[in-house]
Amino acid sequence: MTRELEFFKALREATELCMEADARVYIMGLGVPDPRGIFGTTLGLAERFGRRRVLDMPTSENAMTGIAIGSALVGNRPILTHQRLDFALLSMDQIVNNAAKWRYMFGGQQSVPLVIRLIVGRGWGQGPQHSQSLQSWFAHVPGLKVVMPATPYDAKGLLISAIEDNDPVIFIEHRWLYNIKGEVPAGMYRVPLGSAQVRRAGSDITIVALSHMTIEALRAADRLATMGISAEVVDVRTLRPLDTATIVASAAKTGRVLVADTGWKTGGFSAEIVAAIVERAFTALRCAPRRVALPDTPTPTSAALVQHHYPGAHTLVHEARAMLGLPEIADALPPSSIPADLPDSSFTGPF
């Protein structure tokens, strides 16, 4: 049966189903059993499964990641959560030099079935140390799988696949997605890791998007359609392994590619996507690909600076029109009444 469900509830349901199905699955992280439950994604789990499988943790990220890796090596399937991706930077040694390398260093005899949930995205003046989208760091590391869902359906299906996977998976969630709704089947289902999806078919230009920028890309495609421009939107979903075939096929079909990332442009994942397209479909391109990403400054705290820092659907419309040789227009999209640092009125603190 299919019903409408919020993104955060889809994550919680996936976790609950996996914990019901497999006693080896447990979850731990700073604030997991709190009344807010990591934006609602872990609410009720402690009451359902007990404090031996739903654990709070001290602010010792490197040590706790080591504990999770060790427990995975002896047969458990831990889920480790961080309320900010930035906090996980304290455990990069464990993630990169242990979890990611174990299968390779020991000839495939043992692996680390660990999911690390990381939260990205701006909001409420979080600023330089609480809102960094560093997915390209993790995608750079062999041995890690990296996932960024954009819909409630994918949030549930990809998380189930990640928990069941025998290798470490970095599961990155954008805070602005938590309250969006979509169709989510009841019960267990899986979205395979390593598959992109065409969210909207088009013929004039391809917009390849990650995470929350997929929502912005769909908004841009709606606006472009009113201008007679047919935009195809490809949701990457999994950065590693990357579904190059789907992305390249769309690029070859339209001949124009615009990549929308939540991270910085320099050294960002958008460059990897452009490189893959140019290497495999260069002769099909009608113009140079373009990238929409963050400017090369730390993410701001000031609401005034935020207004100019983050790209959105209006940016994509302007870039798409330029690629098609069309003049710039002032009203790419009607101005939003919502401040640039707030997703919507229903999305409230404290984190």
C-alpha atoms as a PDB file:
ATOM      1  CA  MET A   1       0.000   0.000   0.000  1.00  0.00           C
ATOM      2  CA  THR A   2       1.254   3.498  -0.868  1.00  0.00           C
ATOM      3  CA  ARG A   3       0.587   6.558   1.273  1.00  0.00           C
ATOM      4  CA  GLU A   4       1.939  10.059   1.748  1.00  0.00           C
ATOM      5  CA  LEU A   5       4.753  10.306   4.261  1.00  0.00           C
ATOM      6  CA  GLU A   6       7.234  12.961   5.304  1.00  0.00           C
ATOM      7  CA  PHE A   7      10.920  12.436   4.555  1.00  0.00           C
ATOM      8  CA  PHE A   8      11.846  12.202   8.254  1.00  0.00           C
ATOM      9  CA  LYS A   9       9.129   9.619   8.905  1.00  0.00           C
ATOM     10  CA  ALA A  10      10.351   7.557   5.952  1.00  0.00           C
ATOM     11  CA  LEU A  11      13.828   7.451   7.518  1.00  0.00           C
ATOM     12  CA  ARG A  12      12.404   6.465  10.887  1.00  0.00           C
ATOM     13  CA  GLU A  13      10.271   3.736   9.314  1.00  0.00           C
ATOM     14  CA  ALA A  14      13.250   2.307   7.442  1.00  0.00           C
ATOM     15  CA  THR A  15      15.269   2.175  10.651  1.00  0.00           C
ATOM     16  CA  GLU A  16      12.430   0.563  12.587  1.00  0.00           C
ATOM     17  CA  LEU A  17      11.815  -2.100   9.939  1.00  0.00           C
ATOM     18  CA  CYS A  18      15.490  -3.030   9.769  1.00  0.00           C
ATOM     19  CA  MET A  19      15.762  -3.206  13.553  1.00  0.00           C
ATOM     20  CA  GLU A  20      12.696  -5.455  13.645  1.00  0.00           C
ATOM     21  CA  ALA A  21      14.088  -7.720  10.935  1.00  0.00           C
ATOM     22  CA  ASP A  22      17.640  -8.026  12.254  1.00  0.00           C
ATOM     23  CA  ALA A  23      18.652  -7.979  15.929  1.00  0.00           C
ATOM     24  CA  ARG A  24      22.197  -7.046  14.902  1.00  0.00           C
ATOM     25  CA  VAL A  25      21.036  -3.578  13.794  1.00  0.00           C
ATOM     26  CA  TYR A  26      21.385  -0.839  16.399  1.00  0.00           C
ATOM     27  CA  ILE A  27      21.577   2.952  16.273  1.00  0.00           C
ATOM     28  CA  MET A  28      23.663   5.397  18.247  1.00  0.00           C
ATOM     29  CA  GLY A  29      24.515   9.068  18.110  1.00  0.00           C
ATOM     30  CA  LEU A  30      24.394  12.330  19.963  1.00  0.00           C
ATOM     31  CA  GLY A  31      20.716  12.995  20.679  1.00  0.00           C
ATOM     32  CA  VAL A  32      19.299   9.764  19.241  1.00  0.00           C
ATOM     33  CA  PRO A  33      17.009   9.094  22.274  1.00  0.00           C
ATOM     34  CA  ASP A  34      16.259  12.798  22.866  1.00  0.00           C
ATOM     35  CA  PRO A  35      12.660  14.114  22.766  1.00  0.00           C
ATOM     36  CA  ARG A  36      13.428  15.695  19.373  1.00  0.00           C
ATOM     37  CA  GLY A  37      14.948  12.465  18.057  1.00  0.00           C
ATOM     38  CA  ILE A  38      17.294  13.857  15.380  1.00  0.00           C
ATOM     39  CA  PHE A  39      14.645  15.929  13.592  1.00  0.00           C
ATOM     40  CA  GLY A  40      12.101  13.206  14.374  1.00  0.00           C
ATOM     41  CA  THR A  41      13.996  10.445  12.564  1.00  0.00           C
ATOM     42  CA  THR A  42      14.622   8.401  15.730  1.00  0.00           C
ATOM     43  CA  LEU A  43      11.500   9.196  17.778  1.00  0.00           C
ATOM     44  CA  GLY A  44      10.044   6.188  19.591  1.00  0.00           C
ATOM     45  CA  LEU A  45      12.932   3.850  18.798  1.00  0.00           C
ATOM     46  CA  ALA A  46      14.298   3.806  22.357  1.00  0.00           C
ATOM     47  CA  GLU A  47      10.865   2.960  23.748  1.00  0.00           C
ATOM     48  CA  ARG A  48      10.414   0.236  21.142  1.00  0.00           C
ATOM     49  CA  PHE A  49      13.837  -1.415  21.183  1.00  0.00           C
ATOM     50  CA  GLY A  50      15.385  -0.362  24.493  1.00  0.00           C
ATOM     51  CA  ARG A  51      18.498   1.545  25.426  1.00  0.00           C
ATOM     52  CA  ARG A  52      20.812  -1.339  24.506  1.00  0.00           C
ATOM     53  CA  ARG A  53      19.970  -0.829  20.810  1.00  0.00           C
ATOM     54  CA  VAL A  54      19.204   2.902  20.780  1.00  0.00           C
ATOM     55  CA  LEU A  55      22.135   4.682  22.372  1.00  0.00           C
ATOM     56  CA  ASP A  56      23.038   8.262  23.098  1.00  0.00           C
ATOM     57  CA  MET A  57      26.765   8.945  22.839  1.00  0.00           C
ATOM     58  CA  PRO A  58      29.309  11.383  24.273  1.00  0.00           C
ATOM     59  CA  THR A  59      30.865  14.082  22.101  1.00  0.00           C
ATOM     60  CA  SER A  60      33.794  11.804  21.251  1.00  0.00           C
ATOM     61  CA  GLU A  61      33.143  11.253  17.566  1.00  0.00           C
ATOM     62  CA  ASN A  62      36.424   9.538  16.704  1.00  0.00           C
ATOM     63  CA  ALA A  63      36.221   7.124  19.624  1.00  0.00           C
ATOM     64  CA  MET A  64      32.561   6.282  19.031  1.00  0.00           C
ATOM     65  CA  THR A  65      33.191   5.675  15.329  1.00  0.00           C
ATOM     66  CA  GLY A  66      35.920   3.257  16.333  1.00  0.00           C
ATOM     67  CA  ILE A  67      33.469   1.451  18.608  1.00  0.00           C
ATOM     68  CA  ALA A  68      30.947   1.230  15.752  1.00  0.00           C
ATOM     69  CA  ILE A  69      33.591  -0.147  13.391  1.00  0.00           C
ATOM     70  CA  GLY A  70      34.694  -2.701  15.976  1.00  0.00           C
ATOM     71  CA  SER A  71      31.138  -3.846  16.609  1.00  0.00           C
ATOM     72  CA  ALA A  72      30.569  -4.193  12.843  1.00  0.00           C
ATOM     73  CA  LEU A  73      33.669  -6.365  12.586  1.00  0.00           C
ATOM     74  CA  VAL A  74      32.266  -8.782  15.168  1.00  0.00           C
ATOM     75  CA  GLY A  75      28.920  -9.179  13.438  1.00  0.00           C
ATOM     76  CA  ASN A  76      26.721  -6.168  14.266  1.00  0.00           C
ATOM     77  CA  ARG A  77      25.231  -3.705  11.783  1.00  0.00           C
ATOM     78  CA  PRO A  78      25.463  -0.276  13.442  1.00  0.00           C
ATOM     79  CA  ILE A  79      23.884   2.988  12.343  1.00  0.00           C
ATOM     80  CA  LEU A  80      25.863   5.971  13.596  1.00  0.00           C
ATOM     81  CA  THR A  81      24.216   9.396  13.346  1.00  0.00           C
ATOM     82  CA  HIS A  82      25.615  12.919  13.479  1.00  0.00           C
ATOM     83  CA  GLN A  83      23.365  15.960  13.749  1.00  0.00           C
ATOM     84  CA  ARG A  84      25.809  17.781  11.489  1.00  0.00           C
ATOM     85  CA  LEU A  85      28.197  16.474   8.875  1.00  0.00           C
ATOM     86  CA  ASP A  86      30.699  18.902  10.414  1.00  0.00           C
ATOM     87  CA  PHE A  87      30.794  16.824  13.610  1.00  0.00           C
ATOM     88  CA  ALA A  88      31.872  13.740  11.675  1.00  0.00           C
ATOM     89  CA  LEU A  89      35.045  15.532  10.606  1.00  0.00           C
ATOM     90  CA  LEU A  90      36.422  14.636  14.026  1.00  0.00           C
ATOM     91  CA  SER A  91      36.205  10.967  13.023  1.00  0.00           C
ATOM     92  CA  MET A  92      37.692  11.131   9.514  1.00  0.00           C
ATOM     93  CA  ASP A  93      40.663   8.978  10.504  1.00  0.00           C
ATOM     94  CA  GLN A  94      38.385   6.136  11.581  1.00  0.00           C
ATOM     95  CA  ILE A  95      36.123   6.513   8.537  1.00  0.00           C
ATOM     96  CA  VAL A  96      38.832   6.843   5.892  1.00  0.00           C
ATOM     97  CA  ASN A  97      41.704   4.780   7.288  1.00  0.00           C
ATOM     98  CA  ASN A  98      39.730   1.987   8.935  1.00  0.00           C
ATOM     99  CA  ALA A  99      36.127   1.539   7.772  1.00  0.00           C
ATOM    100  CA  ALA A 100      36.800   2.284   4.109  1.00  0.00           C
ATOM    101  CA  LYS A 101      39.984   0.194   3.846  1.00  0.00           C
ATOM    102  CA  TRP A 102      39.212  -2.911   5.882  1.00  0.00           C
ATOM    103  CA  ARG A 103      37.798  -5.114   3.110  1.00  0.00           C
ATOM    104  CA  TYR A 104      40.703  -4.268   0.798  1.00  0.00           C
ATOM    105  CA  MET A 105      43.492  -4.637   3.357  1.00  0.00           C
ATOM    106  CA  PHE A 106      42.257  -8.044   4.489  1.00  0.00           C
ATOM    107  CA  GLY A 107      41.627  -9.491   1.062  1.00  0.00           C
ATOM    108  CA  GLY A 108      37.846  -9.418   1.284  1.00  0.00           C
ATOM    109  CA  GLN A 109      37.764 -11.726   4.297  1.00  0.00           C
ATOM    110  CA  GLN A 110      35.982  -9.151   6.429  1.00  0.00           C
ATOM    111  CA  SER A 111      34.009  -5.977   5.833  1.00  0.00           C
ATOM    112  CA  VAL A 112      32.512  -3.136   7.846  1.00  0.00           C
ATOM    113  CA  PRO A 113      28.688  -3.043   7.472  1.00  0.00           C
ATOM    114  CA  LEU A 114      28.302   0.435   8.957  1.00  0.00           C
ATOM    115  CA  VAL A 115      25.906   3.265   8.031  1.00  0.00           C
ATOM    116  CA  ILE A 116      26.910   6.784   9.032  1.00  0.00           C
ATOM    117  CA  ARG A 117      24.055   9.287   8.776  1.00  0.00           C
ATOM    118  CA  LEU A 118      25.195  12.875   8.263  1.00  0.00           C
ATOM    119  CA  ILE A 119      23.017  15.985   8.111  1.00  0.00           C
ATOM    120  CA  VAL A 120      23.803  18.945   5.854  1.00  0.00           C
ATOM    121  CA  GLY A 121      22.030  22.159   4.904  1.00  0.00           C
ATOM    122  CA  ARG A 122      21.663  25.706   6.041  1.00  0.00           C
ATOM    123  CA  GLY A 123      19.230  27.198   8.521  1.00  0.00           C
ATOM    124  CA  TRP A 124      18.896  29.640  11.418  1.00  0.00           C
ATOM    125  CA  GLY A 125      22.345  31.127  11.050  1.00  0.00           C
ATOM    126  CA  GLN A 126      24.192  27.809  11.402  1.00  0.00           C
ATOM    127  CA  GLY A 127      27.181  29.275   9.599  1.00  0.00           C
ATOM    128  CA  PRO A 128      30.673  28.035   8.718  1.00  0.00           C
ATOM    129  CA  GLN A 129      30.947  25.142  11.194  1.00  0.00           C
ATOM    130  CA  HIS A 130      27.426  23.686  11.055  1.00  0.00           C
ATOM    131  CA  SER A 131      26.255  23.712   7.439  1.00  0.00           C
ATOM    132  CA  GLN A 132      28.993  22.349   5.178  1.00  0.00           C
ATOM    133  CA  SER A 133      28.102  20.012   2.310  1.00  0.00           C
ATOM    134  CA  LEU A 134      31.313  17.996   2.062  1.00  0.00           C
ATOM    135  CA  GLN A 135      29.981  14.998   0.166  1.00  0.00           C
ATOM    136  CA  SER A 136      32.819  15.194  -2.360  1.00  0.00           C
ATOM    137  CA  TRP A 137      35.309  14.396   0.437  1.00  0.00           C
ATOM    138  CA  PHE A 138      33.642  11.080   1.157  1.00  0.00           C
ATOM    139  CA  ALA A 139      32.966  10.249  -2.499  1.00  0.00           C
ATOM    140  CA  HIS A 140      36.702  10.636  -3.144  1.00  0.00           C
ATOM    141  CA  VAL A 141      37.548   7.683  -0.875  1.00  0.00           C
ATOM    142  CA  PRO A 142      37.617   4.141  -2.335  1.00  0.00           C
ATOM    143  CA  GLY A 143      35.734   1.731  -0.106  1.00  0.00           C
ATOM    144  CA  LEU A 144      33.009   4.173   0.938  1.00  0.00           C
ATOM    145  CA  LYS A 145      29.551   4.309  -0.618  1.00  0.00           C
ATOM    146  CA  VAL A 146      27.894   7.732  -0.567  1.00  0.00           C
ATOM    147  CA  VAL A 147      24.135   8.329  -0.755  1.00  0.00           C
ATOM    148  CA  MET A 148      22.099  11.576  -0.932  1.00  0.00           C
ATOM    149  CA  PRO A 149      18.333  10.940  -1.247  1.00  0.00           C
ATOM    150  CA  ALA A 150      15.996  13.732  -2.360  1.00  0.00           C
ATOM    151  CA  THR A 151      12.531  12.186  -1.877  1.00  0.00           C
ATOM    152  CA  PRO A 152      10.754  10.343   0.954  1.00  0.00           C
ATOM    153  CA  TYR A 153      10.471   7.230  -1.243  1.00  0.00           C
ATOM    154  CA  ASP A 154      14.217   7.161  -1.817  1.00  0.00           C
ATOM    155  CA  ALA A 155      15.008   8.082   1.778  1.00  0.00           C
ATOM    156  CA  LYS A 156      13.346   4.880   2.976  1.00  0.00           C
ATOM    157  CA  GLY A 157      14.430   2.580   0.160  1.00  0.00           C
ATOM    158  CA  LEU A 158      18.024   3.761   0.084  1.00  0.00           C
ATOM    159  CA  LEU A 159      18.412   3.624   3.863  1.00  0.00           C
ATOM    160  CA  ILE A 160      17.184   0.018   3.940  1.00  0.00           C
ATOM    161  CA  SER A 161      19.658  -0.864   1.184  1.00  0.00           C
ATOM    162  CA  ALA A 162      22.432   0.957   3.057  1.00  0.00           C
ATOM    163  CA  ILE A 163      21.745  -0.860   6.333  1.00  0.00           C
ATOM    164  CA  GLU A 164      21.737  -4.220   4.542  1.00  0.00           C
ATOM    165  CA  ASP A 165      24.923  -3.441   2.576  1.00  0.00           C
ATOM    166  CA  ASN A 166      28.111  -5.152   3.704  1.00  0.00           C
ATOM    167  CA  ASP A 167      30.308  -2.093   3.212  1.00  0.00           C
ATOM    168  CA  PRO A 168      30.389   1.305   4.950  1.00  0.00           C
ATOM    169  CA  VAL A 169      27.796   3.744   3.604  1.00  0.00           C
ATOM    170  CA  ILE A 170      27.823   7.502   4.149  1.00  0.00           C
ATOM    171  CA  PHE A 171      24.157   8.517   4.133  1.00  0.00           C
ATOM    172  CA  ILE A 172      23.770  12.301   3.755  1.00  0.00           C
ATOM    173  CA  GLU A 173      20.469  14.027   4.515  1.00  0.00           C
ATOM    174  CA  HIS A 174      19.625  17.665   3.750  1.00  0.00           C
ATOM    175  CA  ARG A 175      17.725  19.308   6.611  1.00  0.00           C
ATOM    176  CA  TRP A 176      15.365  21.104   4.251  1.00  0.00           C
ATOM    177  CA  LEU A 177      14.040  17.797   2.961  1.00  0.00           C
ATOM    178  CA  TYR A 178      12.775  16.443   6.280  1.00  0.00           C
ATOM    179  CA  ASN A 179       9.249  17.838   5.994  1.00  0.00           C
ATOM    180  CA  ILE A 180       8.605  17.298   2.296  1.00  0.00           C
ATOM    181  CA  LYS A 181       5.938  14.688   1.581  1.00  0.00           C
ATOM    182  CA  GLY A 182       5.748  11.977  -1.031  1.00  0.00           C
ATOM    183  CA  GLU A 183       4.392   8.536  -1.759  1.00  0.00           C
ATOM    184  CA  VAL A 184       6.054   5.870   0.356  1.00  0.00           C
ATOM    185  CA  PRO A 185       4.974   2.208   0.276  1.00  0.00           C
ATOM    186  CA  ALA A 186       4.385   0.446   3.575  1.00  0.00           C
ATOM    187  CA  GLY A 187       6.677  -2.425   4.503  1.00  0.00           C
ATOM    188  CA  MET A 188      10.140  -3.296   3.261  1.00  0.00           C
ATOM    189  CA  TYR A 189      11.381  -2.219  -0.156  1.00  0.00           C
ATOM    190  CA  ARG A 190      14.794  -1.309  -1.475  1.00  0.00           C
ATOM    191  CA  VAL A 191      16.197   1.298  -3.823  1.00  0.00           C
ATOM    192  CA  PRO A 192      19.493  -0.098  -5.130  1.00  0.00           C
ATOM    193  CA  LEU A 193      22.665   1.820  -4.375  1.00  0.00           C
ATOM    194  CA  GLY A 194      24.321   3.118  -7.527  1.00  0.00           C
ATOM    195  CA  SER A 195      21.256   4.037  -9.569  1.00  0.00           C
ATOM    196  CA  ALA A 196      20.303   7.544 -10.661  1.00  0.00           C
ATOM    197  CA  GLN A 197      16.745   8.405 -11.695  1.00  0.00           C
ATOM    198  CA  VAL A 198      15.262  10.635 -14.365  1.00  0.00           C
ATOM    199  CA  ARG A 199      12.748  12.684 -12.360  1.00  0.00           C
ATOM    200  CA  ARG A 200      11.409  14.576 -15.352  1.00  0.00           C
ATOM    201  CA  ALA A 201      11.854  13.877 -19.057  1.00  0.00           C
ATOM    202  CA  GLY A 202      12.948  16.685 -21.375  1.00  0.00           C
ATOM    203  CA  SER A 203      14.645  17.388 -24.675  1.00  0.00           C
ATOM    204  CA  ASP A 204      16.397  20.792 -24.572  1.00  0.00           C
ATOM    205  CA  ILE A 205      18.675  20.595 -21.549  1.00  0.00           C
ATOM    206  CA  THR A 206      19.619  18.149 -18.785  1.00  0.00           C
ATOM    207  CA  ILE A 207      19.825  19.315 -15.178  1.00  0.00           C
ATOM    208  CA  VAL A 208      21.789  16.805 -13.093  1.00  0.00           C
ATOM    209  CA  ALA A 209      21.105  17.444  -9.413  1.00  0.00           C
ATOM    210  CA  LEU A 210      22.074  16.243  -5.944  1.00  0.00           C
ATOM    211  CA  SER A 211      19.944  16.121  -2.791  1.00  0.00           C
ATOM    212  CA  HIS A 212      17.945  19.316  -2.149  1.00  0.00           C
ATOM    213  CA  MET A 213      19.082  20.764  -5.472  1.00  0.00           C
ATOM    214  CA  THR A 214      16.902  18.107  -7.121  1.00  0.00           C
ATOM    215  CA  ILE A 215      13.865  19.898  -5.665  1.00  0.00           C
ATOM    216  CA  GLU A 216      15.234  23.215  -6.940  1.00  0.00           C
ATOM    217  CA  ALA A 217      15.863  21.638 -10.352  1.00  0.00           C
ATOM    218  CA  LEU A 218      12.262  20.437 -10.587  1.00  0.00           C
ATOM    219  CA  ARG A 219      11.014  23.928  -9.681  1.00  0.00           C
ATOM    220  CA  ALA A 220      13.306  25.379 -12.352  1.00  0.00           C
ATOM    221  CA  ALA A 221      12.050  22.855 -14.914  1.00  0.00           C
ATOM    222  CA  ASP A 222       8.461  23.908 -14.200  1.00  0.00           C
ATOM    223  CA  ARG A 223       9.370  27.542 -14.775  1.00  0.00           C
ATOM    224  CA  LEU A 224      11.383  26.772 -17.908  1.00  0.00           C
ATOM    225  CA  ALA A 225       8.396  24.890 -19.321  1.00  0.00           C
ATOM    226  CA  THR A 226       6.361  28.106 -19.211  1.00  0.00           C
ATOM    227  CA  MET A 227       9.056  29.609 -21.448  1.00  0.00           C
ATOM    228  CA  GLY A 228       8.880  26.785 -23.963  1.00  0.00           C
ATOM    229  CA  ILE A 229      12.058  25.087 -22.695  1.00  0.00           C
ATOM    230  CA  SER A 230      11.961  21.335 -22.023  1.00  0.00           C
ATOM    231  CA  ALA A 231      14.333  20.412 -19.167  1.00  0.00           C
ATOM    232  CA  GLU A 232      15.194  16.857 -18.169  1.00  0.00           C
ATOM    233  CA  VAL A 233      16.019  16.416 -14.465  1.00  0.00           C
ATOM    234  CA  VAL A 234      18.311  13.594 -13.339  1.00  0.00           C
ATOM    235  CA  ASP A 235      18.532  12.881  -9.602  1.00  0.00           C
ATOM    236  CA  VAL A 236      21.975  11.402  -8.867  1.00  0.00           C
ATOM    237  CA  ARG A 237      20.841   9.723  -5.596  1.00  0.00           C
ATOM    238  CA  THR A 238      24.108   7.786  -5.116  1.00  0.00           C
ATOM    239  CA  LEU A 239      27.430   9.545  -5.581  1.00  0.00           C
ATOM    240  CA  ARG A 240      29.479   6.401  -5.120  1.00  0.00           C
ATOM    241  CA  PRO A 241      28.933   4.124  -6.928  1.00  0.00           C
ATOM    242  CA  LEU A 242      27.901   6.693  -9.543  1.00  0.00           C
ATOM    243  CA  ASP A 243      25.359   5.751 -12.212  1.00  0.00           C
ATOM    244  CA  THR A 244      27.342   7.272 -15.047  1.00  0.00           C
ATOM    245  CA  ALA A 245      25.298   5.505 -17.733  1.00  0.00           C
ATOM    246  CA  THR A 246      22.000   7.244 -16.875  1.00  0.00           C
ATOM    247  CA  ILE A 247      23.658  10.658 -16.617  1.00  0.00           C
ATOM    248  CA  VAL A 248      25.585  10.315 -19.867  1.00  0.00           C
ATOM    249  CA  ALA A 249      22.537   8.994 -21.745  1.00  0.00           C
ATOM    250  CA  SER A 250      20.551  12.066 -20.725  1.00  0.00           C
ATOM    251  CA  ALA A 251      23.415  14.392 -21.676  1.00  0.00           C
ATOM    252  CA  ALA A 252      23.722  12.766 -25.081  1.00  0.00           C
ATOM    253  CA  LYS A 253      19.966  13.088 -25.582  1.00  0.00           C
ATOM    254  CA  THR A 254      19.683  16.827 -24.877  1.00  0.00           C
ATOM    255  CA  GLY A 255      23.188  17.999 -25.742  1.00  0.00           C
ATOM    256  CA  ARG A 256      23.235  20.512 -22.885  1.00  0.00           C
ATOM    257  CA  VAL A 257      24.114  19.812 -19.258  1.00  0.00           C
ATOM    258  CA  LEU A 258      23.702  21.909 -16.134  1.00  0.00           C
ATOM    259  CA  VAL A 259      24.863  20.351 -12.850  1.00  0.00           C
ATOM    260  CA  ALA A 260      23.365  21.509  -9.533  1.00  0.00           C
ATOM    261  CA  ASP A 261      25.257  20.672  -6.329  1.00  0.00           C
ATOM    262  CA  THR A 262      24.743  21.609  -2.674  1.00  0.00           C
ATOM    263  CA  GLY A 263      28.508  21.896  -2.088  1.00  0.00           C
ATOM    264  CA  TRP A 264      31.256  24.211  -3.269  1.00  0.00           C
ATOM    265  CA  LYS A 265      32.191  24.437  -6.941  1.00  0.00           C
ATOM    266  CA  THR A 266      35.982  24.097  -6.703  1.00  0.00           C
ATOM    267  CA  GLY A 267      36.852  20.432  -6.264  1.00  0.00           C
ATOM    268  CA  GLY A 268      33.186  19.617  -5.832  1.00  0.00           C
ATOM    269  CA  PHE A 269      31.217  16.628  -7.046  1.00  0.00           C
ATOM    270  CA  SER A 270      29.732  18.671  -9.878  1.00  0.00           C
ATOM    271  CA  ALA A 271      33.166  18.567 -11.515  1.00  0.00           C
ATOM    272  CA  GLU A 272      33.164  14.753 -11.381  1.00  0.00           C
ATOM    273  CA  ILE A 273      29.814  14.653 -13.168  1.00  0.00           C
ATOM    274  CA  VAL A 274      30.954  17.096 -15.853  1.00  0.00           C
ATOM    275  CA  ALA A 275      34.173  15.114 -16.369  1.00  0.00           C
ATOM    276  CA  ALA A 276      32.247  11.858 -16.786  1.00  0.00           C
ATOM    277  CA  ILE A 277      29.999  13.456 -19.413  1.00  0.00           C
ATOM    278  CA  VAL A 278      32.827  15.111 -21.338  1.00  0.00           C
ATOM    279  CA  GLU A 279      34.848  11.888 -21.376  1.00  0.00           C
ATOM    280  CA  ARG A 280      31.956   9.806 -22.701  1.00  0.00           C
ATOM    281  CA  ALA A 281      29.661  12.123 -24.672  1.00  0.00           C
ATOM    282  CA  PHE A 282      31.753  15.090 -25.776  1.00  0.00           C
ATOM    283  CA  THR A 283      30.679  14.985 -29.416  1.00  0.00           C
ATOM    284  CA  ALA A 284      26.990  15.030 -28.429  1.00  0.00           C
ATOM    285  CA  LEU A 285      27.314  18.301 -26.502  1.00  0.00           C
ATOM    286  CA  ARG A 286      25.988  21.461 -28.141  1.00  0.00           C
ATOM    287  CA  CYS A 287      27.700  23.786 -25.691  1.00  0.00           C
ATOM    288  CA  ALA A 288      30.005  23.669 -22.691  1.00  0.00           C
ATOM    289  CA  PRO A 289      28.463  22.195 -19.539  1.00  0.00           C
ATOM    290  CA  ARG A 290      27.831  24.545 -16.631  1.00  0.00           C
ATOM    291  CA  ARG A 291      27.798  24.062 -12.863  1.00  0.00           C
ATOM    292  CA  VAL A 292      25.688  25.697 -10.178  1.00  0.00           C
ATOM    293  CA  ALA A 293      27.200  25.334  -6.718  1.00  0.00           C
ATOM    294  CA  LEU A 294      28.286  27.376  -3.712  1.00  0.00           C
ATOM    295  CA  PRO A 295      30.747  30.249  -4.131  1.00  0.00           C
ATOM    296  CA  ASP A 296      34.203  29.630  -2.696  1.00  0.00           C
ATOM    297  CA  THR A 297      33.659  31.219   0.696  1.00  0.00           C
ATOM    298  CA  PRO A 298      32.748  29.648   4.043  1.00  0.00           C
ATOM    299  CA  THR A 299      29.004  29.283   4.508  1.00  0.00           C
ATOM    300  CA  PRO A 300      27.691  32.496   6.104  1.00  0.00           C
ATOM    301  CA  THR A 301      25.798  33.036   9.349  1.00  0.00           C
ATOM    302  CA  SER A 302      24.364  36.439   8.490  1.00  0.00           C
ATOM    303  CA  ALA A 303      20.856  36.363   7.015  1.00  0.00           C
ATOM    304  CA  ALA A 304      21.892  39.175   4.659  1.00  0.00           C
ATOM    305  CA  LEU A 305      24.803  37.149   3.286  1.00  0.00           C
ATOM    306  CA  VAL A 306      22.743  33.966   3.077  1.00  0.00           C
ATOM    307  CA  GLN A 307      20.439  35.691   0.586  1.00  0.00           C
ATOM    308  CA  HIS A 308      23.335  35.873  -1.880  1.00  0.00           C
ATOM    309  CA  HIS A 309      25.265  32.715  -1.030  1.00  0.00           C
ATOM    310  CA  TYR A 310      22.936  29.847  -1.888  1.00  0.00           C
ATOM    311  CA  PRO A 311      21.800  29.128  -5.462  1.00  0.00           C
ATOM    312  CA  GLY A 312      18.256  27.976  -6.139  1.00  0.00           C
ATOM    313  CA  ALA A 313      15.734  27.429  -8.889  1.00  0.00           C
ATOM    314  CA  HIS A 314      16.082  31.027 -10.083  1.00  0.00           C
ATOM    315  CA  THR A 315      19.832  30.454 -10.603  1.00  0.00           C
ATOM    316  CA  LEU A 316      19.161  27.331 -12.639  1.00  0.00           C
ATOM    317  CA  VAL A 317      16.630  29.149 -14.834  1.00  0.00           C
ATOM    318  CA  HIS A 318      19.126  31.921 -15.612  1.00  0.00           C
ATOM    319  CA  GLU A 319      21.909  29.435 -16.400  1.00  0.00           C
ATOM    320  CA  ALA A 320      19.678  27.261 -18.581  1.00  0.00           C
ATOM    321  CA  ARG A 321      18.510  30.259 -20.606  1.00  0.00           C
ATOM    322  CA  ALA A 322      22.109  31.374 -21.111  1.00  0.00           C
ATOM    323  CA  MET A 323      23.082  27.913 -22.376  1.00  0.00           C
ATOM    324  CA  LEU A 324      20.252  28.122 -24.892  1.00  0.00           C
ATOM    325  CA  GLY A 325      21.441  31.551 -26.068  1.00  0.00           C
ATOM    326  CA  LEU A 326      18.413  33.341 -24.610  1.00  0.00           C
ATOM    327  CA  PRO A 327      18.580  36.793 -23.010  1.00  0.00           C
ATOM    328  CA  GLU A 328      18.645  37.249 -19.246  1.00  0.00           C
ATOM    329  CA  ILE A 329      15.322  38.088 -17.656  1.00  0.00           C
ATOM    330  CA  ALA A 330      14.558  39.840 -14.384  1.00  0.00           C
ATOM    331  CA  ASP A 331      11.742  37.578 -13.205  1.00  0.00           C
ATOM    332  CA  ALA A 332      13.221  34.102 -13.560  1.00  0.00           C
ATOM    333  CA  LEU A 333      11.012  33.051 -10.666  1.00  0.00           C
ATOM    334  CA  PRO A 334       8.622  35.009  -8.485  1.00  0.00           C
ATOM    335  CA  PRO A 335      10.353  36.146  -5.265  1.00  0.00           C
ATOM    336  CA  SER A 336       9.769  33.919  -2.263  1.00  0.00           C
ATOM    337  CA  SER A 337       8.196  35.287   0.903  1.00  0.00           C
ATOM    338  CA  ILE A 338      10.202  32.780   2.943  1.00  0.00           C
ATOM    339  CA  PRO A 339      13.624  33.971   4.221  1.00  0.00           C
ATOM    340  CA  ALA A 340      16.557  32.281   2.499  1.00  0.00           C
ATOM    341  CA  ASP A 341      17.651  30.709   5.776  1.00  0.00           C
ATOM    342  CA  LEU A 342      14.304  28.973   6.432  1.00  0.00           C
ATOM    343  CA  PRO A 343      12.815  26.121   4.382  1.00  0.00           C
ATOM    344  CA  ASP A 344       9.178  26.590   5.448  1.00  0.00           C
ATOM    345  CA  SER A 345       7.132  27.564   8.477  1.00  0.00           C
ATOM    346  CA  SER A 346       6.517  23.962   9.565  1.00  0.00           C
ATOM    347  CA  PHE A 347      10.236  23.250   9.960  1.00  0.00           C
ATOM    348  CA  THR A 348      11.095  24.260  13.543  1.00  0.00           C
ATOM    349  CA  GLY A 349      14.106  23.971  15.908  1.00  0.00           C
ATOM    350  CA  PRO A 350      15.831  23.409  18.136  1.00  0.00           C
ATOM    351  CA  PHE A 351      18.649  22.102  15.978  1.00  0.00           C
END
